[in-house]
Amino acid sequence: MAGNGVISYAGAWKSKTINPIIQVVFTNNVAAYATQSAWLMNIISELQQRYHFSQYNVVAHSAGNVTTVNMLMSANKPANFPEIKKFVSLAGCYNGVITEDDVANQNYFRKSGEPALKHSAYQLLAAERANFPDGLAVLNIIGDLKDGSHSDGLVSNVSARSLQYLIRGHQANYSEKVFYGKNAQHSKLHENPKVATAIDQYLWGNSNNQ
């Protein structure tokens, strides 16, 4: 999607594709979350008109997770907007980014599961959390370098895991999967074959997307 919100398409599926995938790329990936969420909603609406589906899944990485959750929490979805079935969150920076507004090993969870510190993105989402869809299946994939930072280098485990408290009360089928080591670094997670297999198995019950 262009920086002015105009949608363009590239590529095609094979005729026998069973689980089609569409990669969404924002030319302006630093636009405000509210703007990106509106863009994402427009993309899904246009795709629904083109391909006539009633349900969809989302796999998001990094700030794309905040955009996605913010979109899901919108109370202004168009009529007949499709239902999200499964959401895979990969390295979600829900509650801070190291070197920007977070520090490694600074934040923690209270006994209630509530994060002790709530950074700007988390505050944005928390204000709309009542609109999060009930019963959504969520897989939260987290990276840990095992270097003592309890992070993937940019997103702390606490920041990523803050999603669970955020969507509390919505009976979401929530699960977490943590990957460790150098290939669990923030930008390497989505290139990690083991992560790809876990996502495929979660979405479709197999390890080979077609």
N, C-alpha and C. Protein backbone atom coordinates (compact mmCIF):
# COMPACT_ATOMS: atom_id res chain seq x y z
N MET A 1 0.84 -1.19 0.00
CA MET A 1 0.00 0.00 0.00
C MET A 1 0.88 1.24 0.00
N ALA A 2 0.53 2.17 -0.87
CA ALA A 2 1.30 3.41 -0.98
C ALA A 2 1.07 4.30 0.23
N GLY A 3 1.96 5.27 0.40
CA GLY A 3 1.87 6.16 1.55
C GLY A 3 0.62 7.00 1.58
N ASN A 4 -0.07 7.13 0.44
CA ASN A 4 -1.32 7.89 0.40
C ASN A 4 -2.55 7.00 0.57
N GLY A 5 -2.33 5.70 0.88
CA GLY A 5 -3.45 4.80 1.12
C GLY A 5 -3.97 4.09 -0.10
N VAL A 6 -3.34 4.29 -1.27
CA VAL A 6 -3.78 3.63 -2.50
C VAL A 6 -3.25 2.19 -2.51
N ILE A 7 -4.14 1.23 -2.77
CA ILE A 7 -3.77 -0.18 -2.75
C ILE A 7 -3.34 -0.63 -4.14
N SER A 8 -2.23 -1.34 -4.22
CA SER A 8 -1.79 -1.95 -5.47
C SER A 8 -1.49 -3.42 -5.22
N TYR A 9 -1.54 -4.22 -6.28
CA TYR A 9 -1.37 -5.66 -6.15
C TYR A 9 -0.25 -6.16 -7.06
N ALA A 10 0.39 -7.25 -6.63
CA ALA A 10 1.42 -7.89 -7.44
C ALA A 10 1.41 -9.38 -7.14
N GLY A 11 1.70 -10.20 -8.14
CA GLY A 11 1.77 -11.63 -7.93
C GLY A 11 0.47 -12.34 -8.22
N ALA A 12 0.51 -13.68 -8.14
CA ALA A 12 -0.67 -14.50 -8.41
C ALA A 12 -0.52 -15.84 -7.71
N TRP A 13 -1.65 -16.51 -7.47
CA TRP A 13 -1.64 -17.85 -6.87
C TRP A 13 -1.70 -18.90 -7.96
N LYS A 14 -1.17 -20.07 -7.66
CA LYS A 14 -1.36 -21.22 -8.53
C LYS A 14 -2.82 -21.63 -8.47
N SER A 15 -3.30 -22.23 -9.52
CA SER A 15 -4.73 -22.54 -9.63
C SER A 15 -5.23 -23.48 -8.54
N LYS A 16 -4.35 -24.33 -8.01
CA LYS A 16 -4.76 -25.32 -7.01
C LYS A 16 -4.33 -24.94 -5.60
N THR A 17 -4.06 -23.67 -5.39
CA THR A 17 -3.65 -23.22 -4.06
C THR A 17 -4.77 -23.46 -3.05
N ILE A 18 -4.43 -24.11 -1.93
CA ILE A 18 -5.42 -24.44 -0.91
C ILE A 18 -5.48 -23.35 0.15
N ASN A 19 -4.34 -22.90 0.58
CA ASN A 19 -4.28 -21.88 1.63
C ASN A 19 -3.56 -20.64 1.10
N PRO A 20 -4.26 -19.80 0.35
CA PRO A 20 -3.61 -18.63 -0.24
C PRO A 20 -3.11 -17.64 0.81
N ILE A 21 -1.99 -17.01 0.51
CA ILE A 21 -1.39 -16.04 1.42
C ILE A 21 -1.22 -14.71 0.69
N ILE A 22 -1.56 -13.64 1.36
CA ILE A 22 -1.34 -12.30 0.83
C ILE A 22 -0.44 -11.56 1.80
N GLN A 23 0.70 -11.08 1.30
CA GLN A 23 1.60 -10.28 2.11
C GLN A 23 1.21 -8.81 1.98
N VAL A 24 0.99 -8.16 3.09
CA VAL A 24 0.62 -6.75 3.11
C VAL A 24 1.85 -5.94 3.47
N VAL A 25 2.21 -4.99 2.60
CA VAL A 25 3.38 -4.14 2.82
C VAL A 25 2.95 -2.68 2.76
N PHE A 26 3.25 -1.94 3.81
CA PHE A 26 2.99 -0.50 3.83
C PHE A 26 4.25 0.24 3.37
N THR A 27 4.12 1.03 2.32
CA THR A 27 5.26 1.84 1.89
C THR A 27 5.69 2.78 3.01
N ASN A 28 4.71 3.36 3.69
CA ASN A 28 4.99 4.20 4.86
C ASN A 28 4.73 3.36 6.11
N ASN A 29 5.78 2.70 6.57
CA ASN A 29 5.60 1.80 7.72
C ASN A 29 5.82 2.50 9.06
N VAL A 30 5.93 3.82 9.02
CA VAL A 30 6.04 4.57 10.28
C VAL A 30 4.84 5.50 10.47
N ALA A 31 3.81 5.30 9.67
CA ALA A 31 2.58 6.08 9.86
C ALA A 31 1.97 5.73 11.21
N ALA A 32 1.12 6.61 11.73
CA ALA A 32 0.47 6.38 13.02
C ALA A 32 -0.31 5.07 12.98
N TYR A 33 -0.37 4.40 14.14
CA TYR A 33 -1.07 3.12 14.21
C TYR A 33 -2.52 3.25 13.75
N ALA A 34 -3.19 4.34 14.10
CA ALA A 34 -4.58 4.53 13.69
C ALA A 34 -4.69 4.58 12.17
N THR A 35 -3.72 5.22 11.52
CA THR A 35 -3.71 5.30 10.06
C THR A 35 -3.46 3.94 9.44
N GLN A 36 -2.46 3.21 9.96
CA GLN A 36 -2.16 1.89 9.42
C GLN A 36 -3.32 0.92 9.65
N SER A 37 -4.00 1.05 10.78
CA SER A 37 -5.14 0.18 11.07
C SER A 37 -6.27 0.44 10.08
N ALA A 38 -6.50 1.70 9.75
CA ALA A 38 -7.53 2.04 8.75
C ALA A 38 -7.14 1.48 7.39
N TRP A 39 -5.86 1.57 7.04
CA TRP A 39 -5.39 1.01 5.77
C TRP A 39 -5.62 -0.50 5.73
N LEU A 40 -5.27 -1.18 6.83
CA LEU A 40 -5.43 -2.63 6.89
C LEU A 40 -6.90 -3.02 6.75
N MET A 41 -7.77 -2.28 7.39
CA MET A 41 -9.20 -2.56 7.28
C MET A 41 -9.67 -2.39 5.84
N ASN A 42 -9.18 -1.37 5.16
CA ASN A 42 -9.54 -1.15 3.77
C ASN A 42 -9.05 -2.27 2.87
N ILE A 43 -7.83 -2.75 3.15
CA ILE A 43 -7.27 -3.84 2.37
C ILE A 43 -8.13 -5.09 2.52
N ILE A 44 -8.48 -5.44 3.75
CA ILE A 44 -9.27 -6.64 3.99
C ILE A 44 -10.65 -6.51 3.33
N SER A 45 -11.24 -5.34 3.41
CA SER A 45 -12.55 -5.11 2.78
C SER A 45 -12.46 -5.27 1.27
N GLU A 46 -11.41 -4.72 0.67
CA GLU A 46 -11.28 -4.82 -0.78
C GLU A 46 -11.00 -6.26 -1.21
N LEU A 47 -10.18 -6.96 -0.43
CA LEU A 47 -9.91 -8.37 -0.73
C LEU A 47 -11.17 -9.21 -0.61
N GLN A 48 -12.00 -8.91 0.38
CA GLN A 48 -13.26 -9.64 0.53
C GLN A 48 -14.15 -9.45 -0.70
N GLN A 49 -14.20 -8.25 -1.22
CA GLN A 49 -15.00 -7.99 -2.41
C GLN A 49 -14.45 -8.73 -3.63
N ARG A 50 -13.13 -8.86 -3.68
CA ARG A 50 -12.50 -9.55 -4.81
C ARG A 50 -12.66 -11.06 -4.73
N TYR A 51 -12.49 -11.62 -3.53
CA TYR A 51 -12.37 -13.07 -3.40
C TYR A 51 -13.51 -13.72 -2.62
N HIS A 52 -14.41 -12.93 -2.08
CA HIS A 52 -15.65 -13.44 -1.48
C HIS A 52 -15.41 -14.46 -0.36
N PHE A 53 -14.68 -14.06 0.65
CA PHE A 53 -14.45 -14.91 1.82
C PHE A 53 -15.17 -14.32 3.03
N SER A 54 -15.47 -15.18 3.99
CA SER A 54 -16.16 -14.72 5.21
C SER A 54 -15.27 -14.80 6.44
N GLN A 55 -14.15 -15.53 6.34
CA GLN A 55 -13.21 -15.66 7.45
C GLN A 55 -11.78 -15.49 6.92
N TYR A 56 -10.90 -15.07 7.80
CA TYR A 56 -9.50 -14.89 7.41
C TYR A 56 -8.61 -15.07 8.62
N ASN A 57 -7.33 -15.31 8.38
CA ASN A 57 -6.30 -15.39 9.42
C ASN A 57 -5.31 -14.25 9.21
N VAL A 58 -4.63 -13.87 10.27
CA VAL A 58 -3.57 -12.86 10.17
C VAL A 58 -2.31 -13.38 10.84
N VAL A 59 -1.19 -13.22 10.16
CA VAL A 59 0.14 -13.40 10.76
C VAL A 59 0.83 -12.05 10.67
N ALA A 60 1.21 -11.50 11.81
CA ALA A 60 1.81 -10.17 11.84
C ALA A 60 3.16 -10.22 12.54
N HIS A 61 4.04 -9.30 12.16
CA HIS A 61 5.37 -9.23 12.76
C HIS A 61 5.61 -7.83 13.31
N SER A 62 6.21 -7.76 14.50
CA SER A 62 6.66 -6.52 15.10
C SER A 62 5.52 -5.51 15.25
N ALA A 63 5.70 -4.29 14.73
CA ALA A 63 4.68 -3.26 14.87
C ALA A 63 3.40 -3.60 14.12
N GLY A 64 3.50 -4.53 13.15
CA GLY A 64 2.31 -4.98 12.46
C GLY A 64 1.29 -5.60 13.38
N ASN A 65 1.76 -6.12 14.51
CA ASN A 65 0.84 -6.69 15.50
C ASN A 65 0.01 -5.60 16.17
N VAL A 66 0.63 -4.48 16.50
CA VAL A 66 -0.11 -3.38 17.12
C VAL A 66 -1.14 -2.85 16.13
N THR A 67 -0.74 -2.71 14.87
CA THR A 67 -1.67 -2.28 13.83
C THR A 67 -2.85 -3.24 13.72
N THR A 68 -2.56 -4.54 13.72
CA THR A 68 -3.62 -5.55 13.59
C THR A 68 -4.56 -5.54 14.78
N VAL A 69 -4.02 -5.55 15.99
CA VAL A 69 -4.88 -5.57 17.18
C VAL A 69 -5.69 -4.28 17.27
N ASN A 70 -5.08 -3.16 16.93
CA ASN A 70 -5.80 -1.90 16.93
C ASN A 70 -6.97 -1.94 15.94
N MET A 71 -6.73 -2.55 14.77
CA MET A 71 -7.79 -2.71 13.78
C MET A 71 -8.90 -3.62 14.29
N LEU A 72 -8.52 -4.72 14.94
CA LEU A 72 -9.51 -5.65 15.48
C LEU A 72 -10.35 -5.00 16.57
N MET A 73 -9.78 -4.03 17.27
CA MET A 73 -10.49 -3.36 18.34
C MET A 73 -11.34 -2.19 17.84
N SER A 74 -11.29 -1.93 16.55
CA SER A 74 -12.07 -0.81 16.01
C SER A 74 -13.56 -1.11 16.10
N ALA A 75 -14.32 -0.11 16.52
CA ALA A 75 -15.78 -0.24 16.59
C ALA A 75 -16.42 0.23 15.30
N ASN A 76 -15.62 0.61 14.32
CA ASN A 76 -16.15 1.21 13.08
C ASN A 76 -15.90 0.35 11.86
N LYS A 77 -15.96 -0.96 12.01
CA LYS A 77 -15.77 -1.85 10.87
C LYS A 77 -16.97 -1.76 9.93
N PRO A 78 -16.74 -1.91 8.63
CA PRO A 78 -17.84 -1.89 7.66
C PRO A 78 -18.82 -3.04 7.91
N ALA A 79 -20.02 -2.88 7.41
CA ALA A 79 -21.01 -3.96 7.50
C ALA A 79 -20.50 -5.19 6.75
N ASN A 80 -20.77 -6.36 7.30
CA ASN A 80 -20.36 -7.63 6.69
C ASN A 80 -18.84 -7.80 6.61
N PHE A 81 -18.12 -7.09 7.48
CA PHE A 81 -16.67 -7.28 7.53
C PHE A 81 -16.38 -8.72 7.92
N PRO A 82 -15.43 -9.39 7.25
CA PRO A 82 -15.19 -10.81 7.54
C PRO A 82 -14.71 -11.04 8.96
N GLU A 83 -14.89 -12.27 9.41
CA GLU A 83 -14.52 -12.66 10.78
C GLU A 83 -13.11 -13.22 10.81
N ILE A 84 -12.29 -12.71 11.72
CA ILE A 84 -10.96 -13.28 11.87
C ILE A 84 -11.06 -14.57 12.64
N LYS A 85 -10.37 -15.59 12.15
CA LYS A 85 -10.44 -16.92 12.75
C LYS A 85 -9.23 -17.20 13.63
N LYS A 86 -8.03 -16.91 13.12
CA LYS A 86 -6.80 -17.15 13.87
C LYS A 86 -5.84 -15.97 13.68
N PHE A 87 -5.13 -15.64 14.74
CA PHE A 87 -4.16 -14.55 14.72
C PHE A 87 -2.84 -15.06 15.27
N VAL A 88 -1.79 -14.97 14.47
CA VAL A 88 -0.44 -15.33 14.92
C VAL A 88 0.35 -14.04 15.09
N SER A 89 0.77 -13.79 16.31
CA SER A 89 1.54 -12.60 16.65
C SER A 89 3.01 -13.00 16.75
N LEU A 90 3.83 -12.36 15.94
CA LEU A 90 5.26 -12.68 15.87
C LEU A 90 6.07 -11.47 16.31
N ALA A 91 6.73 -11.60 17.47
CA ALA A 91 7.58 -10.51 17.99
C ALA A 91 6.78 -9.22 18.17
N GLY A 92 5.62 -9.34 18.79
CA GLY A 92 4.74 -8.19 18.95
C GLY A 92 5.25 -7.18 19.97
N CYS A 93 5.41 -5.94 19.54
CA CYS A 93 5.92 -4.89 20.44
C CYS A 93 4.74 -4.15 21.09
N TYR A 94 3.93 -4.88 21.84
CA TYR A 94 2.72 -4.31 22.43
C TYR A 94 3.01 -3.32 23.55
N ASN A 95 4.14 -3.50 24.20
CA ASN A 95 4.39 -2.68 25.39
C ASN A 95 5.85 -2.22 25.43
N GLY A 96 6.25 -1.56 24.35
CA GLY A 96 7.58 -0.98 24.34
C GLY A 96 8.56 -1.65 23.40
N VAL A 97 9.53 -0.87 22.97
CA VAL A 97 10.62 -1.34 22.11
C VAL A 97 11.93 -0.92 22.74
N ILE A 98 12.83 -1.87 22.91
CA ILE A 98 14.14 -1.58 23.48
C ILE A 98 14.88 -0.59 22.57
N THR A 99 15.50 0.39 23.17
CA THR A 99 16.21 1.51 22.53
C THR A 99 15.26 2.66 22.18
N GLU A 100 13.95 2.44 22.30
CA GLU A 100 13.01 3.53 22.03
C GLU A 100 12.32 3.96 23.33
N ASP A 101 11.45 3.11 23.87
CA ASP A 101 10.75 3.48 25.10
C ASP A 101 10.80 2.39 26.15
N ASP A 102 11.64 1.36 25.93
CA ASP A 102 11.74 0.26 26.88
C ASP A 102 13.20 -0.04 27.15
N VAL A 103 13.44 -0.71 28.25
CA VAL A 103 14.79 -1.12 28.65
C VAL A 103 14.74 -2.59 29.00
N ALA A 104 15.73 -3.34 28.58
CA ALA A 104 15.76 -4.77 28.88
C ALA A 104 15.70 -5.02 30.38
N ASN A 105 14.89 -5.97 30.78
CA ASN A 105 14.77 -6.42 32.17
C ASN A 105 14.21 -5.33 33.11
N GLN A 106 13.56 -4.33 32.57
CA GLN A 106 12.97 -3.28 33.40
C GLN A 106 11.53 -3.60 33.78
N ASN A 107 10.73 -3.99 32.81
CA ASN A 107 9.32 -4.24 33.06
C ASN A 107 9.11 -5.65 33.62
N TYR A 108 7.97 -5.84 34.25
CA TYR A 108 7.64 -7.14 34.83
C TYR A 108 6.14 -7.23 35.00
N PHE A 109 5.65 -8.44 35.29
CA PHE A 109 4.23 -8.66 35.49
C PHE A 109 3.90 -8.71 36.98
N ARG A 110 2.82 -8.06 37.35
CA ARG A 110 2.31 -8.18 38.71
C ARG A 110 1.63 -9.54 38.86
N LYS A 111 1.25 -9.89 40.09
CA LYS A 111 0.62 -11.18 40.33
C LYS A 111 -0.64 -11.37 39.51
N SER A 112 -1.32 -10.28 39.21
CA SER A 112 -2.55 -10.33 38.42
C SER A 112 -2.29 -10.60 36.94
N GLY A 113 -1.02 -10.52 36.53
CA GLY A 113 -0.68 -10.64 35.12
C GLY A 113 -0.56 -9.31 34.42
N GLU A 114 -0.88 -8.23 35.13
CA GLU A 114 -0.81 -6.89 34.56
C GLU A 114 0.64 -6.43 34.47
N PRO A 115 1.07 -5.88 33.32
CA PRO A 115 2.43 -5.34 33.25
C PRO A 115 2.58 -4.13 34.16
N ALA A 116 3.70 -4.05 34.87
CA ALA A 116 3.92 -2.95 35.81
C ALA A 116 4.03 -1.61 35.09
N LEU A 117 4.69 -1.61 33.93
CA LEU A 117 4.84 -0.40 33.13
C LEU A 117 4.02 -0.53 31.86
N LYS A 118 3.36 0.55 31.47
CA LYS A 118 2.52 0.53 30.26
C LYS A 118 2.97 1.67 29.35
N HIS A 119 3.61 1.29 28.25
CA HIS A 119 4.13 2.27 27.32
C HIS A 119 3.04 2.73 26.35
N SER A 120 3.38 3.64 25.46
CA SER A 120 2.38 4.35 24.65
C SER A 120 1.52 3.42 23.80
N ALA A 121 2.12 2.45 23.12
CA ALA A 121 1.33 1.54 22.28
C ALA A 121 0.33 0.76 23.12
N TYR A 122 0.78 0.33 24.30
CA TYR A 122 -0.10 -0.44 25.18
C TYR A 122 -1.27 0.42 25.66
N GLN A 123 -1.00 1.65 25.98
CA GLN A 123 -2.06 2.56 26.42
C GLN A 123 -3.07 2.78 25.30
N LEU A 124 -2.58 2.90 24.07
CA LEU A 124 -3.46 3.06 22.92
C LEU A 124 -4.42 1.87 22.80
N LEU A 125 -3.87 0.67 22.89
CA LEU A 125 -4.68 -0.52 22.74
C LEU A 125 -5.61 -0.74 23.94
N ALA A 126 -5.11 -0.48 25.13
CA ALA A 126 -5.91 -0.71 26.34
C ALA A 126 -7.17 0.14 26.34
N ALA A 127 -7.11 1.31 25.71
CA ALA A 127 -8.27 2.20 25.67
C ALA A 127 -9.41 1.63 24.83
N GLU A 128 -9.08 0.68 23.92
CA GLU A 128 -10.10 0.12 23.03
C GLU A 128 -10.32 -1.37 23.25
N ARG A 129 -9.74 -1.94 24.30
CA ARG A 129 -9.73 -3.38 24.46
C ARG A 129 -11.11 -4.01 24.57
N ALA A 130 -12.12 -3.24 24.97
CA ALA A 130 -13.47 -3.79 25.10
C ALA A 130 -14.01 -4.27 23.76
N ASN A 131 -13.45 -3.77 22.66
CA ASN A 131 -13.93 -4.13 21.33
C ASN A 131 -13.21 -5.33 20.72
N PHE A 132 -12.26 -5.91 21.45
CA PHE A 132 -11.53 -7.06 20.90
C PHE A 132 -12.50 -8.22 20.69
N PRO A 133 -12.42 -8.91 19.55
CA PRO A 133 -13.38 -9.98 19.26
C PRO A 133 -13.28 -11.14 20.25
N ASP A 134 -14.40 -11.65 20.67
CA ASP A 134 -14.44 -12.76 21.62
C ASP A 134 -14.08 -14.07 20.92
N GLY A 135 -13.39 -14.94 21.65
CA GLY A 135 -13.15 -16.29 21.19
C GLY A 135 -12.11 -16.45 20.10
N LEU A 136 -11.35 -15.43 19.79
CA LEU A 136 -10.34 -15.51 18.74
C LEU A 136 -9.19 -16.43 19.17
N ALA A 137 -8.73 -17.28 18.26
CA ALA A 137 -7.58 -18.14 18.53
C ALA A 137 -6.30 -17.35 18.28
N VAL A 138 -5.45 -17.27 19.30
CA VAL A 138 -4.23 -16.45 19.23
C VAL A 138 -3.01 -17.28 19.57
N LEU A 139 -2.01 -17.24 18.70
CA LEU A 139 -0.70 -17.82 18.99
C LEU A 139 0.30 -16.68 19.07
N ASN A 140 0.92 -16.52 20.23
CA ASN A 140 1.89 -15.45 20.45
C ASN A 140 3.29 -16.06 20.41
N ILE A 141 4.05 -15.75 19.34
CA ILE A 141 5.40 -16.26 19.16
C ILE A 141 6.41 -15.22 19.63
N ILE A 142 7.31 -15.65 20.50
CA ILE A 142 8.23 -14.74 21.18
C ILE A 142 9.66 -15.21 20.95
N GLY A 143 10.56 -14.27 20.77
CA GLY A 143 11.97 -14.59 20.60
C GLY A 143 12.78 -14.25 21.84
N ASP A 144 13.72 -15.11 22.18
CA ASP A 144 14.60 -14.89 23.34
C ASP A 144 16.03 -15.27 22.92
N LEU A 145 16.91 -14.29 22.90
CA LEU A 145 18.29 -14.52 22.47
C LEU A 145 19.10 -15.36 23.45
N LYS A 146 18.57 -15.56 24.65
CA LYS A 146 19.30 -16.28 25.71
C LYS A 146 20.63 -15.59 26.04
N ASP A 147 20.59 -14.26 26.01
CA ASP A 147 21.79 -13.48 26.34
C ASP A 147 21.62 -12.70 27.64
N GLY A 148 20.58 -13.01 28.39
CA GLY A 148 20.32 -12.32 29.63
C GLY A 148 19.38 -11.14 29.50
N SER A 149 19.07 -10.73 28.28
CA SER A 149 18.19 -9.57 28.08
C SER A 149 16.71 -9.96 28.13
N HIS A 150 16.42 -11.26 28.06
CA HIS A 150 15.04 -11.74 28.02
C HIS A 150 14.26 -10.99 26.94
N SER A 151 14.87 -10.99 25.75
CA SER A 151 14.29 -10.26 24.62
C SER A 151 14.79 -10.86 23.32
N ASP A 152 14.23 -10.36 22.22
CA ASP A 152 14.73 -10.76 20.90
C ASP A 152 15.71 -9.72 20.36
N GLY A 153 16.13 -8.82 21.25
CA GLY A 153 17.04 -7.76 20.87
C GLY A 153 16.36 -6.41 20.74
N LEU A 154 15.09 -6.42 20.35
CA LEU A 154 14.31 -5.20 20.25
C LEU A 154 13.04 -5.24 21.11
N VAL A 155 12.44 -6.40 21.22
CA VAL A 155 11.19 -6.54 21.98
C VAL A 155 11.43 -7.46 23.16
N SER A 156 11.16 -6.96 24.36
CA SER A 156 11.32 -7.79 25.55
C SER A 156 10.22 -8.83 25.61
N ASN A 157 10.51 -9.92 26.31
CA ASN A 157 9.50 -10.95 26.51
C ASN A 157 8.25 -10.38 27.18
N VAL A 158 8.45 -9.46 28.11
CA VAL A 158 7.32 -8.84 28.79
C VAL A 158 6.48 -8.03 27.82
N SER A 159 7.12 -7.28 26.94
CA SER A 159 6.38 -6.49 25.95
C SER A 159 5.53 -7.39 25.07
N ALA A 160 6.12 -8.45 24.56
CA ALA A 160 5.39 -9.37 23.69
C ALA A 160 4.27 -10.08 24.45
N ARG A 161 4.57 -10.52 25.67
CA ARG A 161 3.59 -11.29 26.44
C ARG A 161 2.50 -10.41 27.06
N SER A 162 2.67 -9.10 27.00
CA SER A 162 1.64 -8.19 27.52
C SER A 162 0.32 -8.33 26.77
N LEU A 163 0.35 -8.96 25.60
CA LEU A 163 -0.88 -9.19 24.83
C LEU A 163 -1.90 -9.98 25.65
N GLN A 164 -1.43 -10.95 26.42
CA GLN A 164 -2.36 -11.82 27.14
C GLN A 164 -3.22 -11.02 28.12
N TYR A 165 -2.62 -10.12 28.86
CA TYR A 165 -3.39 -9.32 29.81
C TYR A 165 -4.28 -8.34 29.06
N LEU A 166 -3.80 -7.86 27.93
CA LEU A 166 -4.56 -6.89 27.14
C LEU A 166 -5.91 -7.45 26.69
N ILE A 167 -5.93 -8.72 26.28
CA ILE A 167 -7.15 -9.30 25.73
C ILE A 167 -7.90 -10.16 26.75
N ARG A 168 -7.56 -10.00 28.01
CA ARG A 168 -8.25 -10.76 29.06
C ARG A 168 -9.77 -10.50 29.01
N GLY A 169 -10.51 -11.52 29.39
CA GLY A 169 -11.96 -11.36 29.44
C GLY A 169 -12.67 -11.61 28.13
N HIS A 170 -11.91 -11.86 27.08
CA HIS A 170 -12.54 -12.11 25.78
C HIS A 170 -12.52 -13.58 25.39
N GLN A 171 -12.18 -14.44 26.35
CA GLN A 171 -12.21 -15.88 26.16
C GLN A 171 -11.44 -16.33 24.92
N ALA A 172 -10.37 -15.60 24.62
CA ALA A 172 -9.55 -15.98 23.47
C ALA A 172 -8.83 -17.28 23.76
N ASN A 173 -8.69 -18.11 22.75
CA ASN A 173 -7.90 -19.33 22.85
C ASN A 173 -6.44 -18.91 22.67
N TYR A 174 -5.80 -18.55 23.78
CA TYR A 174 -4.48 -17.92 23.75
C TYR A 174 -3.40 -18.93 24.10
N SER A 175 -2.32 -18.95 23.28
CA SER A 175 -1.17 -19.80 23.60
C SER A 175 0.11 -19.06 23.21
N GLU A 176 1.20 -19.44 23.83
CA GLU A 176 2.50 -18.83 23.57
C GLU A 176 3.50 -19.88 23.14
N LYS A 177 4.44 -19.47 22.30
CA LYS A 177 5.54 -20.34 21.91
C LYS A 177 6.80 -19.49 21.85
N VAL A 178 7.82 -19.90 22.60
CA VAL A 178 9.06 -19.13 22.68
C VAL A 178 10.16 -19.86 21.91
N PHE A 179 10.88 -19.10 21.08
CA PHE A 179 12.03 -19.64 20.36
C PHE A 179 13.29 -18.98 20.92
N TYR A 180 14.36 -19.77 21.03
CA TYR A 180 15.57 -19.30 21.69
C TYR A 180 16.78 -19.30 20.75
N GLY A 181 17.74 -18.46 21.09
CA GLY A 181 19.01 -18.44 20.38
C GLY A 181 19.10 -17.37 19.31
N LYS A 182 20.19 -17.39 18.56
CA LYS A 182 20.47 -16.32 17.60
C LYS A 182 19.42 -16.21 16.50
N ASN A 183 18.79 -17.33 16.15
CA ASN A 183 17.76 -17.29 15.11
C ASN A 183 16.40 -16.84 15.65
N ALA A 184 16.37 -16.49 16.93
CA ALA A 184 15.17 -15.92 17.53
C ALA A 184 15.28 -14.41 17.64
N GLN A 185 16.32 -13.84 17.01
CA GLN A 185 16.48 -12.39 16.97
C GLN A 185 15.28 -11.77 16.25
N HIS A 186 14.94 -10.55 16.61
CA HIS A 186 13.71 -9.90 16.16
C HIS A 186 13.46 -10.02 14.66
N SER A 187 14.44 -9.68 13.85
CA SER A 187 14.26 -9.71 12.40
C SER A 187 14.49 -11.08 11.79
N LYS A 188 15.08 -11.99 12.56
CA LYS A 188 15.34 -13.34 12.05
C LYS A 188 14.19 -14.29 12.34
N LEU A 189 13.30 -13.91 13.25
CA LEU A 189 12.21 -14.82 13.62
C LEU A 189 11.38 -15.24 12.41
N HIS A 190 11.05 -14.28 11.54
CA HIS A 190 10.19 -14.63 10.42
C HIS A 190 10.95 -15.33 9.30
N GLU A 191 12.27 -15.47 9.46
CA GLU A 191 13.07 -16.25 8.51
C GLU A 191 13.45 -17.61 9.08
N ASN A 192 13.05 -17.87 10.29
CA ASN A 192 13.40 -19.10 10.99
C ASN A 192 12.50 -20.25 10.53
N PRO A 193 13.05 -21.31 9.93
CA PRO A 193 12.22 -22.41 9.42
C PRO A 193 11.35 -23.06 10.50
N LYS A 194 11.87 -23.13 11.73
CA LYS A 194 11.08 -23.74 12.81
C LYS A 194 9.87 -22.88 13.15
N VAL A 195 10.03 -21.57 13.06
CA VAL A 195 8.90 -20.66 13.28
C VAL A 195 7.87 -20.84 12.17
N ALA A 196 8.35 -20.92 10.93
CA ALA A 196 7.44 -21.10 9.79
C ALA A 196 6.63 -22.39 9.93
N THR A 197 7.29 -23.46 10.38
CA THR A 197 6.60 -24.73 10.57
C THR A 197 5.54 -24.62 11.66
N ALA A 198 5.89 -23.95 12.75
CA ALA A 198 4.94 -23.77 13.86
C ALA A 198 3.72 -22.98 13.41
N ILE A 199 3.94 -21.96 12.58
CA ILE A 199 2.82 -21.15 12.09
C ILE A 199 1.93 -21.97 11.17
N ASP A 200 2.53 -22.71 10.25
CA ASP A 200 1.76 -23.54 9.33
C ASP A 200 0.93 -24.58 10.08
N GLN A 201 1.54 -25.20 11.07
CA GLN A 201 0.82 -26.21 11.85
C GLN A 201 -0.34 -25.58 12.62
N TYR A 202 -0.12 -24.39 13.13
CA TYR A 202 -1.17 -23.72 13.90
C TYR A 202 -2.33 -23.30 13.01
N LEU A 203 -2.02 -22.76 11.85
CA LEU A 203 -3.08 -22.27 10.97
C LEU A 203 -3.82 -23.38 10.24
N TRP A 204 -3.07 -24.37 9.77
CA TRP A 204 -3.67 -25.36 8.87
C TRP A 204 -3.49 -26.81 9.31
N GLY A 205 -2.78 -27.01 10.41
CA GLY A 205 -2.62 -28.37 10.90
C GLY A 205 -1.62 -29.18 10.11
N ASN A 206 -0.75 -28.50 9.36
CA ASN A 206 0.29 -29.21 8.62
C ASN A 206 1.50 -28.30 8.51
N SER A 207 2.56 -28.81 7.96
CA SER A 207 3.81 -28.04 7.86
C SER A 207 4.11 -27.63 6.43
N ASN A 208 3.17 -27.88 5.53
CA ASN A 208 3.42 -27.55 4.13
C ASN A 208 2.25 -26.77 3.56
N ASN A 209 2.42 -25.46 3.46
CA ASN A 209 1.39 -24.64 2.84
C ASN A 209 1.38 -24.87 1.32
N GLN A 210 0.20 -24.92 0.72
CA GLN A 210 0.08 -25.14 -0.70
C GLN A 210 -0.67 -24.00 -1.36
